[in-house]
Amino acid sequence: MTYTYDALKAKITEMYPEIGQHKLEVGLVFDEKLDAYRIMFKRGADELETFLDKKDAEDCMNNIKCVYLGVQVAQFVQNFEERIAFGRKAA
C-alpha cells in the first residue's frame, strides 16, 4: 500500500480526535534504521515521540485502530496536561 506522510498524519489525527482536542501538533518521519514511522507530538515547548511500524501504519490507513498508538496518545495527552498543571502549581 502506498500513501503519503500527509495522508498518514491526517488519518492518525482523524482516528484519535484527542490530538486535536488538546491542540497537539503532529510530526511524522520514517526512520530507516527502525523501519518504522517516528511520530512526534508537540505542544508549546514540550515534545514527546513514539514509533509506528509499517504494518500498524497500513492498518491505520485501512481504518483499523492501533491499540499501541491509542495508548500512547492517551498517555501523551495525560503527560502534557500534567506538565501544565505542575507548571501552574509551581509558579
N, C-alpha and C. Protein backbone atom coordinates (compact mmCIF):
# COMPACT_ATOMS: atom_id res chain seq x y z
N MET A 1 0.85 -1.18 0.00
CA MET A 1 0.00 0.00 0.00
C MET A 1 0.89 1.24 0.00
N THR A 2 0.52 2.19 -0.80
CA THR A 2 1.27 3.44 -0.83
C THR A 2 0.38 4.57 -0.32
N TYR A 3 1.00 5.43 0.44
CA TYR A 3 0.32 6.60 1.00
C TYR A 3 1.38 7.62 1.33
N THR A 4 0.95 8.86 1.44
CA THR A 4 1.89 9.94 1.74
C THR A 4 1.98 10.15 3.24
N TYR A 5 3.03 10.85 3.65
CA TYR A 5 3.15 11.23 5.06
C TYR A 5 1.94 12.04 5.49
N ASP A 6 1.52 12.98 4.62
CA ASP A 6 0.38 13.83 4.96
C ASP A 6 -0.89 13.01 5.14
N ALA A 7 -1.09 12.00 4.29
CA ALA A 7 -2.28 11.16 4.41
C ALA A 7 -2.26 10.36 5.70
N LEU A 8 -1.09 9.82 6.06
CA LEU A 8 -0.98 9.06 7.31
C LEU A 8 -1.20 9.97 8.51
N LYS A 9 -0.59 11.13 8.48
CA LYS A 9 -0.75 12.09 9.57
C LYS A 9 -2.22 12.49 9.72
N ALA A 10 -2.90 12.75 8.61
CA ALA A 10 -4.31 13.11 8.64
C ALA A 10 -5.16 11.97 9.19
N LYS A 11 -4.83 10.75 8.81
CA LYS A 11 -5.58 9.59 9.29
C LYS A 11 -5.39 9.40 10.79
N ILE A 12 -4.17 9.58 11.28
CA ILE A 12 -3.90 9.46 12.71
C ILE A 12 -4.70 10.50 13.50
N THR A 13 -4.69 11.74 13.03
CA THR A 13 -5.43 12.79 13.75
C THR A 13 -6.94 12.58 13.65
N GLU A 14 -7.39 11.97 12.55
CA GLU A 14 -8.82 11.65 12.41
C GLU A 14 -9.22 10.54 13.37
N MET A 15 -8.39 9.50 13.48
CA MET A 15 -8.72 8.34 14.31
C MET A 15 -8.57 8.62 15.80
N TYR A 16 -7.74 9.57 16.13
CA TYR A 16 -7.51 9.92 17.53
C TYR A 16 -7.81 11.40 17.73
N PRO A 17 -9.10 11.76 17.84
CA PRO A 17 -9.50 13.17 17.91
C PRO A 17 -8.96 13.92 19.12
N GLU A 18 -8.53 13.20 20.13
CA GLU A 18 -7.96 13.86 21.30
C GLU A 18 -6.70 14.63 20.95
N ILE A 19 -6.04 14.27 19.86
CA ILE A 19 -4.87 15.01 19.39
C ILE A 19 -5.27 16.45 19.10
N GLY A 20 -6.33 16.64 18.35
CA GLY A 20 -6.81 17.98 18.04
C GLY A 20 -7.45 18.67 19.22
N GLN A 21 -8.18 17.91 20.03
CA GLN A 21 -8.85 18.47 21.19
C GLN A 21 -7.87 19.08 22.17
N HIS A 22 -6.68 18.51 22.25
CA HIS A 22 -5.66 19.00 23.18
C HIS A 22 -4.59 19.83 22.46
N LYS A 23 -4.88 20.20 21.22
CA LYS A 23 -4.03 21.09 20.43
C LYS A 23 -2.58 20.60 20.32
N LEU A 24 -2.43 19.31 20.04
CA LEU A 24 -1.11 18.75 19.84
C LEU A 24 -0.74 18.86 18.38
N GLU A 25 0.47 19.32 18.10
CA GLU A 25 0.99 19.30 16.74
C GLU A 25 1.57 17.92 16.50
N VAL A 26 1.45 17.43 15.27
CA VAL A 26 1.94 16.10 14.95
C VAL A 26 2.99 16.20 13.85
N GLY A 27 4.13 15.60 14.10
CA GLY A 27 5.18 15.48 13.10
C GLY A 27 5.36 14.01 12.78
N LEU A 28 5.81 13.71 11.58
CA LEU A 28 5.92 12.33 11.16
C LEU A 28 7.10 12.18 10.21
N VAL A 29 7.99 11.25 10.51
CA VAL A 29 9.10 10.92 9.62
C VAL A 29 9.28 9.40 9.63
N PHE A 30 9.88 8.89 8.57
CA PHE A 30 10.17 7.46 8.53
C PHE A 30 11.60 7.24 8.96
N ASP A 31 11.80 6.35 9.92
CA ASP A 31 13.12 6.01 10.43
C ASP A 31 13.59 4.74 9.73
N GLU A 32 14.53 4.90 8.81
CA GLU A 32 15.02 3.77 8.02
C GLU A 32 15.64 2.68 8.88
N LYS A 33 16.41 3.08 9.91
CA LYS A 33 17.08 2.09 10.76
C LYS A 33 16.08 1.22 11.50
N LEU A 34 14.99 1.82 11.97
CA LEU A 34 13.99 1.06 12.72
C LEU A 34 12.89 0.50 11.82
N ASP A 35 12.87 0.94 10.56
CA ASP A 35 11.84 0.52 9.63
C ASP A 35 10.45 0.81 10.19
N ALA A 36 10.32 2.02 10.75
CA ALA A 36 9.07 2.43 11.38
C ALA A 36 8.93 3.95 11.28
N TYR A 37 7.71 4.42 11.44
CA TYR A 37 7.46 5.86 11.45
C TYR A 37 7.68 6.40 12.86
N ARG A 38 8.36 7.52 12.93
CA ARG A 38 8.53 8.22 14.20
C ARG A 38 7.47 9.32 14.21
N ILE A 39 6.64 9.30 15.24
CA ILE A 39 5.58 10.30 15.38
C ILE A 39 5.94 11.20 16.55
N MET A 40 6.00 12.50 16.27
CA MET A 40 6.33 13.47 17.30
C MET A 40 5.08 14.29 17.62
N PHE A 41 4.75 14.33 18.91
CA PHE A 41 3.65 15.15 19.38
C PHE A 41 4.26 16.35 20.10
N LYS A 42 3.76 17.52 19.79
CA LYS A 42 4.34 18.73 20.37
C LYS A 42 3.22 19.68 20.78
N ARG A 43 3.42 20.31 21.91
CA ARG A 43 2.56 21.40 22.36
C ARG A 43 3.45 22.38 23.09
N GLY A 44 3.54 23.59 22.53
CA GLY A 44 4.44 24.58 23.10
C GLY A 44 5.87 24.08 22.99
N ALA A 45 6.59 24.15 24.10
CA ALA A 45 7.99 23.71 24.12
C ALA A 45 8.12 22.23 24.43
N ASP A 46 7.02 21.56 24.77
CA ASP A 46 7.07 20.15 25.15
C ASP A 46 6.88 19.26 23.93
N GLU A 47 7.67 18.19 23.86
CA GLU A 47 7.57 17.26 22.75
C GLU A 47 7.76 15.84 23.26
N LEU A 48 6.93 14.94 22.75
CA LEU A 48 7.04 13.52 23.06
C LEU A 48 6.98 12.76 21.75
N GLU A 49 7.57 11.57 21.70
CA GLU A 49 7.55 10.82 20.45
C GLU A 49 7.30 9.34 20.70
N THR A 50 6.80 8.69 19.66
CA THR A 50 6.58 7.25 19.68
C THR A 50 6.84 6.72 18.28
N PHE A 51 6.76 5.42 18.12
CA PHE A 51 7.02 4.81 16.83
C PHE A 51 5.82 3.97 16.39
N LEU A 52 5.63 3.89 15.09
CA LEU A 52 4.54 3.13 14.50
C LEU A 52 5.14 2.29 13.37
N ASP A 53 5.06 0.96 13.50
CA ASP A 53 5.65 0.14 12.44
C ASP A 53 4.79 0.17 11.19
N LYS A 54 5.36 -0.29 10.10
CA LYS A 54 4.68 -0.22 8.81
C LYS A 54 3.33 -0.94 8.81
N LYS A 55 3.26 -2.10 9.44
CA LYS A 55 2.01 -2.87 9.48
C LYS A 55 0.92 -2.07 10.18
N ASP A 56 1.27 -1.46 11.32
CA ASP A 56 0.28 -0.65 12.05
C ASP A 56 -0.11 0.59 11.25
N ALA A 57 0.84 1.16 10.51
CA ALA A 57 0.53 2.32 9.67
C ALA A 57 -0.45 1.92 8.56
N GLU A 58 -0.22 0.76 7.97
CA GLU A 58 -1.14 0.28 6.93
C GLU A 58 -2.52 0.00 7.50
N ASP A 59 -2.56 -0.60 8.70
CA ASP A 59 -3.85 -0.83 9.36
C ASP A 59 -4.56 0.50 9.61
N CYS A 60 -3.81 1.46 10.07
CA CYS A 60 -4.37 2.79 10.33
C CYS A 60 -4.99 3.36 9.06
N MET A 61 -4.29 3.24 7.94
CA MET A 61 -4.81 3.75 6.68
C MET A 61 -6.07 3.00 6.23
N ASN A 62 -6.26 1.78 6.76
CA ASN A 62 -7.45 0.99 6.46
C ASN A 62 -8.50 1.10 7.57
N ASN A 63 -8.39 2.16 8.37
CA ASN A 63 -9.35 2.46 9.45
C ASN A 63 -9.36 1.43 10.57
N ILE A 64 -8.24 0.77 10.79
CA ILE A 64 -8.10 -0.16 11.91
C ILE A 64 -7.25 0.53 12.96
N LYS A 65 -7.85 0.78 14.10
CA LYS A 65 -7.12 1.49 15.16
C LYS A 65 -6.01 0.62 15.71
N CYS A 66 -4.89 1.24 15.93
CA CYS A 66 -3.73 0.58 16.52
C CYS A 66 -3.83 0.79 18.04
N VAL A 67 -3.99 -0.29 18.78
CA VAL A 67 -4.14 -0.20 20.23
C VAL A 67 -2.91 0.46 20.84
N TYR A 68 -1.73 0.06 20.40
CA TYR A 68 -0.49 0.63 20.94
C TYR A 68 -0.46 2.15 20.75
N LEU A 69 -0.78 2.62 19.56
CA LEU A 69 -0.76 4.06 19.31
C LEU A 69 -1.83 4.77 20.13
N GLY A 70 -3.00 4.17 20.25
CA GLY A 70 -4.07 4.76 21.07
C GLY A 70 -3.65 4.93 22.52
N VAL A 71 -2.97 3.93 23.05
CA VAL A 71 -2.47 4.01 24.44
C VAL A 71 -1.43 5.11 24.54
N GLN A 72 -0.54 5.19 23.55
CA GLN A 72 0.49 6.23 23.56
C GLN A 72 -0.12 7.63 23.49
N VAL A 73 -1.11 7.81 22.61
CA VAL A 73 -1.76 9.12 22.50
C VAL A 73 -2.39 9.50 23.83
N ALA A 74 -3.12 8.58 24.45
CA ALA A 74 -3.76 8.85 25.74
C ALA A 74 -2.72 9.21 26.80
N GLN A 75 -1.61 8.47 26.82
CA GLN A 75 -0.55 8.75 27.80
C GLN A 75 0.09 10.10 27.53
N PHE A 76 0.32 10.43 26.27
CA PHE A 76 0.92 11.71 25.93
C PHE A 76 0.01 12.86 26.33
N VAL A 77 -1.29 12.72 26.07
CA VAL A 77 -2.24 13.77 26.47
C VAL A 77 -2.17 13.97 27.98
N GLN A 78 -2.16 12.87 28.71
CA GLN A 78 -2.07 12.96 30.17
C GLN A 78 -0.76 13.63 30.59
N ASN A 79 0.35 13.26 29.96
CA ASN A 79 1.65 13.86 30.30
C ASN A 79 1.65 15.36 30.03
N PHE A 80 1.10 15.78 28.88
CA PHE A 80 1.04 17.21 28.57
C PHE A 80 0.18 17.94 29.60
N GLU A 81 -0.96 17.36 29.96
CA GLU A 81 -1.84 18.01 30.93
C GLU A 81 -1.18 18.09 32.31
N GLU A 82 -0.48 17.05 32.71
CA GLU A 82 0.22 17.07 33.99
C GLU A 82 1.34 18.10 34.00
N ARG A 83 2.04 18.25 32.89
CA ARG A 83 3.10 19.26 32.81
C ARG A 83 2.53 20.65 32.99
N ILE A 84 1.38 20.89 32.37
CA ILE A 84 0.72 22.20 32.52
C ILE A 84 0.27 22.42 33.95
N ALA A 85 -0.38 21.40 34.53
CA ALA A 85 -0.87 21.50 35.90
C ALA A 85 0.28 21.73 36.87
N PHE A 86 1.37 20.98 36.70
CA PHE A 86 2.51 21.11 37.58
C PHE A 86 3.14 22.50 37.43
N GLY A 87 3.26 22.95 36.21
CA GLY A 87 3.85 24.27 35.94
C GLY A 87 3.02 25.37 36.58
N ARG A 88 1.72 25.25 36.53
CA ARG A 88 0.87 26.26 37.12
C ARG A 88 0.94 26.25 38.64
N LYS A 89 1.03 25.05 39.24
CA LYS A 89 1.12 24.95 40.68
C LYS A 89 2.47 25.46 41.18
N ALA A 90 3.53 25.24 40.38
CA ALA A 90 4.87 25.64 40.82
C ALA A 90 5.10 27.14 40.67
N ALA A 91 4.37 27.78 39.81
CA ALA A 91 4.59 29.20 39.55
C ALA A 91 4.12 30.09 40.67
